[in-house]
Amino acid sequence: MIAANRTRCATLRQRARTRRATAKIRREGVATLATHAVAAGLSIKEAASVAGSLRDKVSKAGVVGITGRTFRKGASRPCTRYTPADVAALVAYYRPRKPAYRLAAAKLALAA
């Protein structure tokens, strides 16, 4: 595959992923921390990292999410979903170093 086409396809995949995550949050009102991070424009790997960091701040911020179940690969797993306002409260305690994470944190704070 031509490199320019590969770049274009990757950009379209990322844009579609971001739009799907944003639509899910708008439709349901709650989502996991990783979904909020993807909606802020991060890749899947970066979103998982940010979600883990935000998960550490839950007790400090006093935020209680909505417990639920997620289904993947034929198995049911527990998960916690948060509203955009809850995520904004978590971001107040989040101090990222990487510039991409700082930009995502600002977007997450503004999403509320």
Protein backbone atom coordinates (compact mmCIF):
# COMPACT_ATOMS: atom_id res chain seq x y z
CA MET A 1 0.00 0.00 0.00
CA ILE A 2 1.18 3.49 -0.79
CA ALA A 3 2.32 5.37 2.32
CA ALA A 4 0.05 8.35 1.66
CA ASN A 5 -2.97 6.04 1.40
CA ARG A 6 -1.99 4.29 4.62
CA THR A 7 -1.81 7.66 6.39
CA ARG A 8 -5.17 8.72 4.98
CA CYS A 9 -6.81 5.48 6.08
CA ALA A 10 -5.35 5.79 9.58
CA THR A 11 -6.66 9.35 9.84
CA LEU A 12 -10.13 8.27 8.75
CA ARG A 13 -10.13 5.34 11.21
CA GLN A 14 -9.14 7.66 14.07
CA ARG A 15 -11.76 10.24 13.09
CA ALA A 16 -14.48 7.58 12.87
CA ARG A 17 -13.46 6.14 16.25
CA THR A 18 -13.64 9.59 17.83
CA ARG A 19 -17.05 10.35 16.30
CA ARG A 20 -18.46 6.98 17.43
CA ALA A 21 -17.27 7.55 20.99
CA THR A 22 -18.67 11.09 21.04
CA ALA A 23 -22.02 9.87 19.71
CA LYS A 24 -22.17 7.11 22.33
CA ILE A 25 -21.57 9.57 25.15
CA ARG A 26 -24.17 11.97 23.75
CA ARG A 27 -26.71 9.17 23.25
CA GLU A 28 -26.32 7.32 26.55
CA GLY A 29 -25.01 10.08 28.82
CA VAL A 30 -22.40 7.81 30.42
CA ALA A 31 -19.34 5.94 29.18
CA THR A 32 -16.17 4.34 30.47
CA LEU A 33 -13.11 6.50 31.05
CA ALA A 34 -11.40 5.03 27.98
CA THR A 35 -14.37 5.97 25.80
CA HIS A 36 -14.24 9.53 27.11
CA ALA A 37 -10.52 9.63 26.27
CA VAL A 38 -11.14 8.29 22.75
CA ALA A 39 -13.83 10.95 22.30
CA ALA A 40 -11.18 13.52 23.23
CA GLY A 41 -9.11 12.36 20.25
CA LEU A 42 -6.65 9.87 21.72
CA SER A 43 -5.72 6.55 20.16
CA ILE A 44 -6.82 3.32 21.86
CA LYS A 45 -3.43 2.77 23.50
CA GLU A 46 -3.18 6.35 24.76
CA ALA A 47 -6.81 6.28 25.92
CA ALA A 48 -6.14 3.19 28.02
CA SER A 49 -3.18 4.93 29.64
CA VAL A 50 -5.18 8.08 30.44
CA ALA A 51 -8.10 5.98 31.72
CA GLY A 52 -5.79 4.13 34.10
CA SER A 53 -4.42 7.40 35.42
CA LEU A 54 -7.90 8.85 35.86
CA ARG A 55 -9.03 5.65 37.58
CA ASP A 56 -6.39 6.28 40.25
CA LYS A 57 -7.96 9.69 40.98
CA VAL A 58 -11.51 8.36 41.61
CA SER A 59 -11.17 8.03 45.38
CA LYS A 60 -9.41 11.39 45.72
CA ALA A 61 -12.11 13.19 43.73
CA GLY A 62 -14.93 11.35 45.49
CA VAL A 63 -16.57 10.46 42.19
CA VAL A 64 -18.87 7.43 42.10
CA GLY A 65 -19.62 6.08 38.67
CA ILE A 66 -22.39 3.78 37.51
CA THR A 67 -21.44 0.12 37.67
CA GLY A 68 -22.34 -2.03 34.72
CA ARG A 69 -21.34 -4.99 32.62
CA THR A 70 -19.52 -5.01 29.32
CA PHE A 71 -19.55 -7.91 26.90
CA ARG A 72 -16.54 -8.81 24.81
CA LYS A 73 -15.32 -12.08 23.29
CA GLY A 74 -18.21 -14.01 24.76
CA ALA A 75 -17.49 -12.94 28.32
CA SER A 76 -19.12 -10.49 30.68
CA ARG A 77 -16.85 -8.13 32.59
CA PRO A 78 -17.61 -5.49 35.23
CA CYS A 79 -17.05 -1.86 34.28
CA THR A 80 -17.76 1.58 35.67
CA ARG A 81 -19.24 4.32 33.53
CA TYR A 82 -19.00 8.04 34.21
CA THR A 83 -20.83 11.16 33.06
CA PRO A 84 -18.88 13.99 31.41
CA ALA A 85 -19.23 16.01 34.63
CA ASP A 86 -17.68 13.15 36.63
CA VAL A 87 -14.78 12.98 34.19
CA ALA A 88 -14.25 16.74 34.49
CA ALA A 89 -14.03 16.32 38.28
CA LEU A 90 -11.40 13.60 37.81
CA VAL A 91 -9.40 15.71 35.36
CA ALA A 92 -9.07 18.40 38.03
CA TYR A 93 -6.75 15.99 39.90
CA TYR A 94 -4.99 14.68 36.79
CA ARG A 95 -1.53 16.14 36.04
CA PRO A 96 -0.28 14.73 32.72
CA ARG A 97 3.24 15.33 31.41
CA LYS A 98 2.92 14.31 27.77
CA PRO A 99 1.65 17.18 25.56
CA ALA A 100 -0.96 14.99 23.85
CA TYR A 101 -2.33 13.96 27.25
CA ARG A 102 -2.45 17.62 28.37
CA LEU A 103 -4.50 18.50 25.32
CA ALA A 104 -6.81 15.55 25.94
CA ALA A 105 -7.21 16.57 29.59
CA ALA A 106 -8.24 20.05 28.51
CA LYS A 107 -10.79 18.59 26.09
CA LEU A 108 -12.15 16.28 28.77
CA ALA A 109 -12.55 19.19 31.17
CA LEU A 110 -14.39 21.24 28.54
CA ALA A 111 -16.70 18.35 27.60
CA ALA A 112 -18.65 18.82 30.83
